[in-house]
Amino acid sequence: GAAPAGSQYPPSVRLWSDYLNVHLHPKTVYVIRQYLHDGDCDCLEAFGQGERLLQDPACVEELEDRLHFYVEECDYLQGFQVLCDLHNGFSGVGAKVTELLHDEYSRKGILTWGLTPVLSDICSLRFQCLDFFPQDPQNSFYRLMNTALGIAHLSRHSSLFCPLSLSGSLGIK
């Protein structure tokens, strides 16, 4: 729960967003309550969990309200960019979001970036490196299935889908 050694950040830093120096508009952040670090569930680890989140009418309504808030501010909306993790349950969230965008704004472009982590014991970042991806066969299977399902679903509803990774394996071992 402490900031990295030699850091200018206060010791209360716990999440990646605590390092963010930019203040985000409240409509840009949607917190998934049941998947907070101290929430009811362990983590959002499966594609189906992410899909299930956006089957809740209240969640979809909130997402649409936030989306319409920004769309109405546009003079000439050309399209959307979606950045989505492929290796965990956010691939399911991203799949449902791109489906929603495709259904509601079918004439607009959707550029989707599928992001995958580098699986390495060596961390070159200046921040403290944590082992988020233990070498467990079940976790490897989840990553593989999430990535495959994410690529299939995201590319179906996107004008252009581009997977991104700093490793050549899309984060799969």
N, C-alpha and C. Protein backbone atom coordinates (compact mmCIF):
# COMPACT_ATOMS: atom_id res chain seq x y z
N GLY A 1 0.80 -1.19 0.00
CA GLY A 1 0.00 0.00 0.00
C GLY A 1 0.84 1.26 0.00
N ALA A 2 2.16 1.15 -0.11
CA ALA A 2 3.01 2.33 -0.06
C ALA A 2 3.49 2.68 -1.46
N ALA A 3 3.89 3.93 -1.62
CA ALA A 3 4.44 4.39 -2.89
C ALA A 3 5.83 3.80 -3.07
N PRO A 4 6.31 3.70 -4.32
CA PRO A 4 7.64 3.17 -4.57
C PRO A 4 8.72 4.00 -3.88
N ALA A 5 9.83 3.35 -3.54
CA ALA A 5 10.94 4.03 -2.86
C ALA A 5 11.46 5.17 -3.71
N GLY A 6 11.75 6.30 -3.11
CA GLY A 6 12.26 7.46 -3.82
C GLY A 6 11.19 8.21 -4.59
N SER A 7 9.96 7.89 -4.36
CA SER A 7 8.84 8.49 -5.08
C SER A 7 8.44 9.81 -4.46
N GLN A 8 7.89 10.69 -5.29
CA GLN A 8 7.37 11.96 -4.79
C GLN A 8 5.92 11.83 -4.36
N TYR A 9 5.34 10.65 -4.51
CA TYR A 9 3.93 10.44 -4.21
C TYR A 9 3.74 10.10 -2.73
N PRO A 10 2.60 10.47 -2.19
CA PRO A 10 2.34 10.17 -0.78
C PRO A 10 2.18 8.67 -0.55
N PRO A 11 2.35 8.21 0.68
CA PRO A 11 2.25 6.78 0.97
C PRO A 11 0.85 6.20 0.78
N SER A 12 -0.16 7.03 0.56
CA SER A 12 -1.52 6.52 0.39
C SER A 12 -1.78 5.98 -1.01
N VAL A 13 -0.81 6.02 -1.90
CA VAL A 13 -0.98 5.53 -3.26
C VAL A 13 -1.16 4.02 -3.24
N ARG A 14 -2.29 3.54 -3.83
CA ARG A 14 -2.56 2.11 -3.84
C ARG A 14 -2.82 1.56 -5.24
N LEU A 15 -3.33 2.37 -6.15
CA LEU A 15 -3.74 1.92 -7.46
C LEU A 15 -2.98 2.67 -8.55
N TRP A 16 -3.00 2.14 -9.78
CA TRP A 16 -2.32 2.83 -10.88
C TRP A 16 -2.89 4.23 -11.08
N SER A 17 -4.17 4.38 -10.88
CA SER A 17 -4.79 5.69 -11.11
C SER A 17 -4.36 6.72 -10.07
N ASP A 18 -3.82 6.27 -8.93
CA ASP A 18 -3.30 7.19 -7.93
C ASP A 18 -2.04 7.91 -8.43
N TYR A 19 -1.36 7.33 -9.43
CA TYR A 19 -0.17 7.94 -10.01
C TYR A 19 -0.52 8.95 -11.09
N LEU A 20 -1.74 8.95 -11.55
CA LEU A 20 -2.17 9.80 -12.64
C LEU A 20 -2.15 11.27 -12.19
N ASN A 21 -1.41 12.09 -12.90
CA ASN A 21 -1.31 13.50 -12.56
C ASN A 21 -2.37 14.35 -13.25
N VAL A 22 -3.15 13.75 -14.13
CA VAL A 22 -4.19 14.47 -14.85
C VAL A 22 -5.52 14.22 -14.14
N HIS A 23 -6.28 15.28 -13.95
CA HIS A 23 -7.59 15.12 -13.34
C HIS A 23 -8.60 14.81 -14.44
N LEU A 24 -9.29 13.70 -14.32
CA LEU A 24 -10.25 13.27 -15.32
C LEU A 24 -11.64 13.82 -15.00
N HIS A 25 -12.39 14.09 -16.04
CA HIS A 25 -13.78 14.52 -15.87
C HIS A 25 -14.55 13.37 -15.21
N PRO A 26 -15.43 13.66 -14.26
CA PRO A 26 -16.15 12.59 -13.56
C PRO A 26 -16.95 11.66 -14.49
N LYS A 27 -17.37 12.15 -15.65
CA LYS A 27 -18.14 11.32 -16.59
C LYS A 27 -17.25 10.33 -17.34
N THR A 28 -15.91 10.48 -17.26
CA THR A 28 -15.03 9.58 -17.99
C THR A 28 -14.66 8.34 -17.18
N VAL A 29 -14.93 8.35 -15.90
CA VAL A 29 -14.56 7.22 -15.05
C VAL A 29 -15.82 6.51 -14.58
N TYR A 30 -15.87 5.22 -14.85
CA TYR A 30 -16.98 4.39 -14.38
C TYR A 30 -16.39 3.28 -13.52
N VAL A 31 -16.66 3.32 -12.26
CA VAL A 31 -16.09 2.36 -11.31
C VAL A 31 -17.00 1.14 -11.24
N ILE A 32 -16.40 -0.02 -11.42
CA ILE A 32 -17.13 -1.29 -11.30
C ILE A 32 -16.99 -1.72 -9.85
N ARG A 33 -18.00 -1.47 -9.08
CA ARG A 33 -17.94 -1.62 -7.63
C ARG A 33 -17.56 -3.03 -7.17
N GLN A 34 -18.14 -4.05 -7.76
CA GLN A 34 -17.88 -5.40 -7.27
C GLN A 34 -16.47 -5.89 -7.57
N TYR A 35 -15.72 -5.16 -8.41
CA TYR A 35 -14.36 -5.58 -8.73
C TYR A 35 -13.31 -4.59 -8.22
N LEU A 36 -13.65 -3.80 -7.22
CA LEU A 36 -12.65 -2.97 -6.58
C LEU A 36 -11.68 -3.88 -5.83
N HIS A 37 -10.53 -3.35 -5.47
CA HIS A 37 -9.54 -4.17 -4.77
C HIS A 37 -10.08 -4.72 -3.46
N ASP A 38 -11.02 -4.02 -2.85
CA ASP A 38 -11.61 -4.51 -1.62
C ASP A 38 -13.09 -4.86 -1.83
N GLY A 39 -13.45 -5.23 -3.07
CA GLY A 39 -14.84 -5.51 -3.42
C GLY A 39 -15.26 -6.93 -3.08
N ASP A 40 -16.47 -7.29 -3.55
CA ASP A 40 -17.04 -8.59 -3.26
C ASP A 40 -16.31 -9.73 -3.96
N CYS A 41 -15.83 -9.51 -5.18
CA CYS A 41 -15.21 -10.55 -5.99
C CYS A 41 -13.70 -10.37 -5.98
N ASP A 42 -13.00 -11.45 -6.30
CA ASP A 42 -11.54 -11.40 -6.32
C ASP A 42 -11.03 -10.49 -7.43
N CYS A 43 -11.36 -10.83 -8.67
CA CYS A 43 -10.91 -10.00 -9.78
C CYS A 43 -11.73 -10.32 -11.03
N LEU A 44 -11.64 -9.45 -11.97
CA LEU A 44 -12.34 -9.60 -13.24
C LEU A 44 -11.42 -10.41 -14.16
N GLU A 45 -11.50 -11.75 -14.06
CA GLU A 45 -10.51 -12.57 -14.74
C GLU A 45 -11.03 -13.32 -15.95
N ALA A 46 -12.33 -13.37 -16.20
CA ALA A 46 -12.85 -14.15 -17.31
C ALA A 46 -13.71 -13.29 -18.25
N PHE A 47 -13.62 -13.60 -19.53
CA PHE A 47 -14.36 -12.90 -20.57
C PHE A 47 -15.85 -12.82 -20.23
N GLY A 48 -16.43 -13.92 -19.79
CA GLY A 48 -17.85 -13.97 -19.47
C GLY A 48 -18.24 -13.05 -18.33
N GLN A 49 -17.35 -12.86 -17.37
CA GLN A 49 -17.63 -11.93 -16.28
C GLN A 49 -17.78 -10.51 -16.82
N GLY A 50 -16.91 -10.14 -17.73
CA GLY A 50 -16.97 -8.81 -18.32
C GLY A 50 -18.22 -8.61 -19.15
N GLU A 51 -18.58 -9.62 -19.94
CA GLU A 51 -19.81 -9.55 -20.73
C GLU A 51 -21.03 -9.41 -19.83
N ARG A 52 -21.03 -10.17 -18.75
CA ARG A 52 -22.16 -10.18 -17.82
C ARG A 52 -22.38 -8.81 -17.17
N LEU A 53 -21.29 -8.07 -16.94
CA LEU A 53 -21.42 -6.74 -16.36
C LEU A 53 -22.30 -5.84 -17.21
N LEU A 54 -22.16 -5.94 -18.53
CA LEU A 54 -22.92 -5.07 -19.42
C LEU A 54 -24.23 -5.70 -19.87
N GLN A 55 -24.68 -6.72 -19.18
CA GLN A 55 -26.02 -7.24 -19.39
C GLN A 55 -26.97 -6.68 -18.33
N ASP A 56 -26.41 -6.00 -17.35
CA ASP A 56 -27.20 -5.34 -16.32
C ASP A 56 -27.76 -4.05 -16.90
N PRO A 57 -29.09 -3.90 -16.97
CA PRO A 57 -29.68 -2.70 -17.57
C PRO A 57 -29.22 -1.39 -16.93
N ALA A 58 -29.01 -1.38 -15.64
CA ALA A 58 -28.56 -0.15 -14.96
C ALA A 58 -27.15 0.23 -15.44
N CYS A 59 -26.30 -0.75 -15.60
CA CYS A 59 -24.92 -0.50 -16.06
C CYS A 59 -24.93 0.02 -17.50
N VAL A 60 -25.72 -0.60 -18.36
CA VAL A 60 -25.81 -0.17 -19.76
C VAL A 60 -26.37 1.24 -19.84
N GLU A 61 -27.38 1.53 -19.05
CA GLU A 61 -27.98 2.86 -19.05
C GLU A 61 -26.96 3.92 -18.62
N GLU A 62 -26.20 3.62 -17.58
CA GLU A 62 -25.18 4.55 -17.10
C GLU A 62 -24.11 4.77 -18.17
N LEU A 63 -23.68 3.70 -18.81
CA LEU A 63 -22.68 3.79 -19.87
C LEU A 63 -23.20 4.63 -21.04
N GLU A 64 -24.44 4.39 -21.44
CA GLU A 64 -25.04 5.15 -22.54
C GLU A 64 -25.18 6.63 -22.19
N ASP A 65 -25.57 6.94 -20.95
CA ASP A 65 -25.67 8.33 -20.52
C ASP A 65 -24.32 9.04 -20.61
N ARG A 66 -23.27 8.37 -20.16
CA ARG A 66 -21.93 8.96 -20.21
C ARG A 66 -21.47 9.13 -21.66
N LEU A 67 -21.76 8.16 -22.49
CA LEU A 67 -21.39 8.22 -23.89
C LEU A 67 -22.12 9.37 -24.59
N HIS A 68 -23.43 9.47 -24.38
CA HIS A 68 -24.22 10.54 -25.01
C HIS A 68 -23.78 11.92 -24.54
N PHE A 69 -23.32 12.03 -23.30
CA PHE A 69 -22.82 13.30 -22.79
C PHE A 69 -21.69 13.82 -23.68
N TYR A 70 -20.77 12.93 -24.07
CA TYR A 70 -19.64 13.34 -24.90
C TYR A 70 -20.01 13.44 -26.37
N VAL A 71 -20.86 12.58 -26.86
CA VAL A 71 -21.27 12.62 -28.26
C VAL A 71 -21.99 13.94 -28.56
N GLU A 72 -22.81 14.39 -27.63
CA GLU A 72 -23.54 15.65 -27.83
C GLU A 72 -22.61 16.86 -27.86
N GLU A 73 -21.42 16.74 -27.30
CA GLU A 73 -20.45 17.83 -27.31
C GLU A 73 -19.70 17.92 -28.63
N CYS A 74 -19.79 16.89 -29.46
CA CYS A 74 -19.04 16.85 -30.72
C CYS A 74 -19.74 17.65 -31.81
N ASP A 75 -18.95 18.45 -32.53
CA ASP A 75 -19.49 19.15 -33.69
C ASP A 75 -19.61 18.20 -34.88
N TYR A 76 -18.59 17.35 -35.04
CA TYR A 76 -18.59 16.40 -36.16
C TYR A 76 -17.93 15.10 -35.69
N LEU A 77 -18.73 14.20 -35.21
CA LEU A 77 -18.23 12.93 -34.70
C LEU A 77 -17.79 12.03 -35.85
N GLN A 78 -16.52 11.65 -35.86
CA GLN A 78 -16.01 10.78 -36.91
C GLN A 78 -15.98 9.33 -36.49
N GLY A 79 -15.80 9.08 -35.21
CA GLY A 79 -15.73 7.71 -34.76
C GLY A 79 -15.24 7.61 -33.33
N PHE A 80 -14.85 6.39 -32.96
CA PHE A 80 -14.46 6.10 -31.58
C PHE A 80 -13.15 5.32 -31.58
N GLN A 81 -12.37 5.52 -30.53
CA GLN A 81 -11.21 4.68 -30.26
C GLN A 81 -11.47 3.94 -28.95
N VAL A 82 -11.26 2.65 -28.97
CA VAL A 82 -11.48 1.82 -27.79
C VAL A 82 -10.16 1.15 -27.45
N LEU A 83 -9.67 1.35 -26.23
CA LEU A 83 -8.49 0.65 -25.74
C LEU A 83 -8.98 -0.38 -24.75
N CYS A 84 -8.58 -1.64 -24.94
CA CYS A 84 -9.14 -2.71 -24.12
C CYS A 84 -8.09 -3.78 -23.84
N ASP A 85 -7.99 -4.18 -22.58
CA ASP A 85 -7.15 -5.33 -22.23
C ASP A 85 -7.76 -6.57 -22.85
N LEU A 86 -6.92 -7.42 -23.41
CA LEU A 86 -7.41 -8.67 -24.00
C LEU A 86 -7.28 -9.85 -23.06
N HIS A 87 -6.36 -9.80 -22.13
CA HIS A 87 -5.97 -10.97 -21.35
C HIS A 87 -6.85 -11.24 -20.12
N ASN A 88 -7.77 -10.34 -19.81
CA ASN A 88 -8.60 -10.55 -18.62
C ASN A 88 -10.07 -10.28 -18.94
N GLY A 89 -10.88 -10.13 -17.93
CA GLY A 89 -12.31 -9.94 -18.13
C GLY A 89 -12.70 -8.66 -18.84
N PHE A 90 -11.77 -7.71 -18.92
CA PHE A 90 -12.07 -6.48 -19.64
C PHE A 90 -12.23 -6.72 -21.14
N SER A 91 -11.75 -7.86 -21.63
CA SER A 91 -12.00 -8.18 -23.04
C SER A 91 -13.50 -8.39 -23.26
N GLY A 92 -14.20 -8.94 -22.28
CA GLY A 92 -15.65 -9.10 -22.36
C GLY A 92 -16.37 -7.76 -22.27
N VAL A 93 -15.87 -6.89 -21.40
CA VAL A 93 -16.44 -5.54 -21.29
C VAL A 93 -16.26 -4.81 -22.61
N GLY A 94 -15.05 -4.86 -23.15
CA GLY A 94 -14.76 -4.19 -24.42
C GLY A 94 -15.59 -4.73 -25.57
N ALA A 95 -15.82 -6.05 -25.58
CA ALA A 95 -16.64 -6.66 -26.62
C ALA A 95 -18.06 -6.11 -26.58
N LYS A 96 -18.62 -6.01 -25.39
CA LYS A 96 -19.99 -5.48 -25.27
C LYS A 96 -20.03 -3.98 -25.58
N VAL A 97 -19.01 -3.23 -25.21
CA VAL A 97 -18.97 -1.80 -25.50
C VAL A 97 -18.89 -1.57 -27.01
N THR A 98 -18.00 -2.31 -27.70
CA THR A 98 -17.91 -2.13 -29.15
C THR A 98 -19.19 -2.57 -29.84
N GLU A 99 -19.84 -3.59 -29.30
CA GLU A 99 -21.13 -4.02 -29.86
C GLU A 99 -22.16 -2.89 -29.70
N LEU A 100 -22.20 -2.28 -28.54
CA LEU A 100 -23.11 -1.17 -28.29
C LEU A 100 -22.82 0.00 -29.24
N LEU A 101 -21.54 0.35 -29.39
CA LEU A 101 -21.16 1.43 -30.31
C LEU A 101 -21.54 1.10 -31.75
N HIS A 102 -21.28 -0.13 -32.15
CA HIS A 102 -21.59 -0.56 -33.51
C HIS A 102 -23.09 -0.50 -33.77
N ASP A 103 -23.90 -0.93 -32.81
CA ASP A 103 -25.35 -0.92 -32.98
C ASP A 103 -25.91 0.50 -33.00
N GLU A 104 -25.38 1.36 -32.13
CA GLU A 104 -25.96 2.70 -32.00
C GLU A 104 -25.37 3.71 -32.99
N TYR A 105 -24.11 3.52 -33.39
CA TYR A 105 -23.44 4.45 -34.30
C TYR A 105 -22.84 3.66 -35.46
N SER A 106 -23.69 2.98 -36.21
CA SER A 106 -23.23 2.06 -37.25
C SER A 106 -22.48 2.74 -38.39
N ARG A 107 -22.68 4.03 -38.57
CA ARG A 107 -22.00 4.74 -39.66
C ARG A 107 -20.70 5.40 -39.21
N LYS A 108 -20.31 5.22 -37.98
CA LYS A 108 -19.08 5.81 -37.45
C LYS A 108 -18.00 4.74 -37.33
N GLY A 109 -16.76 5.16 -37.50
CA GLY A 109 -15.65 4.24 -37.38
C GLY A 109 -15.36 3.87 -35.94
N ILE A 110 -14.95 2.65 -35.72
CA ILE A 110 -14.55 2.18 -34.39
C ILE A 110 -13.16 1.56 -34.52
N LEU A 111 -12.17 2.25 -33.99
CA LEU A 111 -10.79 1.76 -33.98
C LEU A 111 -10.54 1.15 -32.61
N THR A 112 -10.27 -0.14 -32.58
CA THR A 112 -10.09 -0.83 -31.31
C THR A 112 -8.66 -1.32 -31.17
N TRP A 113 -8.06 -1.00 -30.04
CA TRP A 113 -6.71 -1.43 -29.69
C TRP A 113 -6.82 -2.50 -28.62
N GLY A 114 -6.41 -3.71 -28.93
CA GLY A 114 -6.41 -4.80 -27.96
C GLY A 114 -5.04 -4.89 -27.30
N LEU A 115 -4.98 -4.61 -26.02
CA LEU A 115 -3.72 -4.51 -25.28
C LEU A 115 -3.43 -5.79 -24.50
N THR A 116 -2.20 -6.23 -24.55
CA THR A 116 -1.79 -7.40 -23.78
C THR A 116 -0.51 -7.08 -23.01
N PRO A 117 -0.32 -7.71 -21.86
CA PRO A 117 0.85 -7.41 -21.03
C PRO A 117 2.09 -8.16 -21.50
N VAL A 118 3.23 -7.69 -21.03
CA VAL A 118 4.48 -8.42 -21.22
C VAL A 118 4.64 -9.30 -20.01
N LEU A 119 4.77 -10.58 -20.22
CA LEU A 119 4.95 -11.51 -19.10
C LEU A 119 6.43 -11.75 -18.91
N SER A 120 6.97 -11.14 -17.88
CA SER A 120 8.39 -11.24 -17.63
C SER A 120 8.65 -11.09 -16.14
N ASP A 121 9.72 -11.71 -15.69
CA ASP A 121 10.12 -11.55 -14.29
C ASP A 121 10.89 -10.25 -14.09
N ILE A 122 11.35 -9.67 -15.18
CA ILE A 122 12.14 -8.44 -15.11
C ILE A 122 11.24 -7.28 -15.45
N CYS A 123 11.25 -6.27 -14.63
CA CYS A 123 10.41 -5.10 -14.84
C CYS A 123 11.30 -3.89 -15.06
N SER A 124 11.17 -3.24 -16.21
CA SER A 124 12.04 -2.11 -16.51
C SER A 124 11.39 -0.78 -16.16
N LEU A 125 10.19 -0.80 -15.62
CA LEU A 125 9.54 0.45 -15.24
C LEU A 125 10.16 1.00 -13.97
N ARG A 126 10.02 2.30 -13.78
CA ARG A 126 10.58 2.88 -12.57
C ARG A 126 9.73 2.57 -11.34
N PHE A 127 8.48 2.10 -11.56
CA PHE A 127 7.61 1.77 -10.45
C PHE A 127 7.90 0.35 -9.95
N GLN A 128 7.47 0.08 -8.78
CA GLN A 128 7.63 -1.24 -8.19
C GLN A 128 6.91 -2.26 -9.05
N CYS A 129 7.58 -3.35 -9.37
CA CYS A 129 7.00 -4.37 -10.25
C CYS A 129 6.36 -5.45 -9.39
N LEU A 130 5.12 -5.75 -9.69
CA LEU A 130 4.40 -6.80 -8.97
C LEU A 130 4.14 -7.96 -9.91
N ASP A 131 4.05 -9.14 -9.41
CA ASP A 131 3.78 -10.32 -10.23
C ASP A 131 2.28 -10.49 -10.35
N PHE A 132 1.68 -9.83 -11.36
CA PHE A 132 0.24 -9.92 -11.58
C PHE A 132 -0.14 -11.22 -12.28
N PHE A 133 0.83 -11.86 -12.90
CA PHE A 133 0.54 -13.03 -13.73
C PHE A 133 1.37 -14.22 -13.27
N PRO A 134 1.01 -14.83 -12.17
CA PRO A 134 1.77 -16.00 -11.72
C PRO A 134 1.70 -17.11 -12.75
N GLN A 135 2.72 -17.94 -12.81
CA GLN A 135 2.79 -19.01 -13.80
C GLN A 135 1.93 -20.20 -13.36
N ASP A 136 0.65 -20.02 -13.38
CA ASP A 136 -0.33 -21.02 -13.00
C ASP A 136 -1.04 -21.49 -14.26
N PRO A 137 -1.19 -22.80 -14.48
CA PRO A 137 -1.85 -23.27 -15.70
C PRO A 137 -3.26 -22.72 -15.88
N GLN A 138 -4.00 -22.58 -14.79
CA GLN A 138 -5.36 -22.04 -14.90
C GLN A 138 -5.33 -20.59 -15.36
N ASN A 139 -4.41 -19.78 -14.82
CA ASN A 139 -4.28 -18.39 -15.25
C ASN A 139 -3.86 -18.31 -16.71
N SER A 140 -2.95 -19.19 -17.12
CA SER A 140 -2.53 -19.21 -18.52
C SER A 140 -3.70 -19.55 -19.44
N PHE A 141 -4.53 -20.49 -19.01
CA PHE A 141 -5.71 -20.86 -19.79
C PHE A 141 -6.68 -19.69 -19.90
N TYR A 142 -6.93 -19.00 -18.77
CA TYR A 142 -7.81 -17.83 -18.78
C TYR A 142 -7.28 -16.76 -19.74
N ARG A 143 -5.96 -16.49 -19.65
CA ARG A 143 -5.38 -15.47 -20.54
C ARG A 143 -5.56 -15.86 -22.00
N LEU A 144 -5.32 -17.13 -22.33
CA LEU A 144 -5.45 -17.61 -23.71
C LEU A 144 -6.89 -17.49 -24.18
N MET A 145 -7.85 -17.95 -23.38
CA MET A 145 -9.26 -17.88 -23.77
C MET A 145 -9.76 -16.44 -23.85
N ASN A 146 -9.39 -15.62 -22.89
CA ASN A 146 -9.79 -14.21 -22.92
C ASN A 146 -9.26 -13.52 -24.16
N THR A 147 -8.00 -13.79 -24.50
CA THR A 147 -7.40 -13.17 -25.67
C THR A 147 -8.08 -13.64 -26.96
N ALA A 148 -8.32 -14.94 -27.08
CA ALA A 148 -8.98 -15.47 -28.28
C ALA A 148 -10.40 -14.93 -28.42
N LEU A 149 -11.17 -14.98 -27.34
CA LEU A 149 -12.54 -14.46 -27.39
C LEU A 149 -12.56 -12.95 -27.62
N GLY A 150 -11.63 -12.24 -26.99
CA GLY A 150 -11.56 -10.80 -27.16
C GLY A 150 -11.26 -10.42 -28.61
N ILE A 151 -10.28 -11.08 -29.21
CA ILE A 151 -9.93 -10.79 -30.60
C ILE A 151 -11.13 -11.07 -31.52
N ALA A 152 -11.78 -12.22 -31.32
CA ALA A 152 -12.93 -12.58 -32.17
C ALA A 152 -14.08 -11.58 -32.04
N HIS A 153 -14.45 -11.24 -30.82
CA HIS A 153 -15.60 -10.36 -30.60
C HIS A 153 -15.28 -8.90 -30.93
N LEU A 154 -14.11 -8.43 -30.52
CA LEU A 154 -13.76 -7.04 -30.78
C LEU A 154 -13.60 -6.76 -32.27
N SER A 155 -13.00 -7.69 -33.00
CA SER A 155 -12.81 -7.47 -34.43
C SER A 155 -14.14 -7.52 -35.19
N ARG A 156 -15.11 -8.27 -34.67
CA ARG A 156 -16.42 -8.37 -35.32
C ARG A 156 -17.15 -7.03 -35.32
N HIS A 157 -17.01 -6.23 -34.27
CA HIS A 157 -17.76 -4.98 -34.14
C HIS A 157 -16.90 -3.74 -34.33
N SER A 158 -15.68 -3.88 -34.80
CA SER A 158 -14.79 -2.75 -35.00
C SER A 158 -14.53 -2.54 -36.48
N SER A 159 -14.31 -1.29 -36.86
CA SER A 159 -13.92 -0.99 -38.23
C SER A 159 -12.49 -1.49 -38.46
N LEU A 160 -11.66 -1.32 -37.44
CA LEU A 160 -10.28 -1.80 -37.48
C LEU A 160 -9.90 -2.26 -36.08
N PHE A 161 -9.37 -3.46 -36.01
CA PHE A 161 -8.91 -4.00 -34.73
C PHE A 161 -7.41 -4.20 -34.83
N CYS A 162 -6.68 -3.69 -33.83
CA CYS A 162 -5.23 -3.81 -33.83
C CYS A 162 -4.75 -4.30 -32.46
N PRO A 163 -4.24 -5.53 -32.38
CA PRO A 163 -3.68 -5.99 -31.10
C PRO A 163 -2.32 -5.34 -30.87
N LEU A 164 -2.06 -4.95 -29.63
CA LEU A 164 -0.80 -4.30 -29.27
C LEU A 164 -0.15 -5.02 -28.10
N SER A 165 1.14 -5.26 -28.23
CA SER A 165 1.89 -5.85 -27.13
C SER A 165 3.36 -5.49 -27.30
N LEU A 166 4.06 -5.40 -26.20
CA LEU A 166 5.51 -5.17 -26.25
C LEU A 166 6.27 -6.47 -26.39
N SER A 167 5.55 -7.59 -26.40
CA SER A 167 6.19 -8.87 -26.64
C SER A 167 5.60 -9.46 -27.90
N GLY A 168 6.27 -10.40 -28.49
CA GLY A 168 5.81 -10.99 -29.73
C GLY A 168 4.73 -12.05 -29.55
N SER A 169 4.35 -12.32 -28.31
CA SER A 169 3.43 -13.42 -28.07
C SER A 169 2.04 -12.99 -27.66
N LEU A 170 1.72 -11.71 -27.77
CA LEU A 170 0.45 -11.18 -27.30
C LEU A 170 0.20 -11.50 -25.83
N GLY A 171 1.27 -11.62 -25.05
CA GLY A 171 1.14 -11.86 -23.62
C GLY A 171 0.78 -13.28 -23.26
N ILE A 172 0.92 -14.20 -24.22
CA ILE A 172 0.55 -15.61 -23.97
C ILE A 172 1.83 -16.44 -23.97
N LYS A 173 1.97 -17.29 -22.96
CA LYS A 173 3.12 -18.21 -22.92
C LYS A 173 2.64 -19.61 -23.16
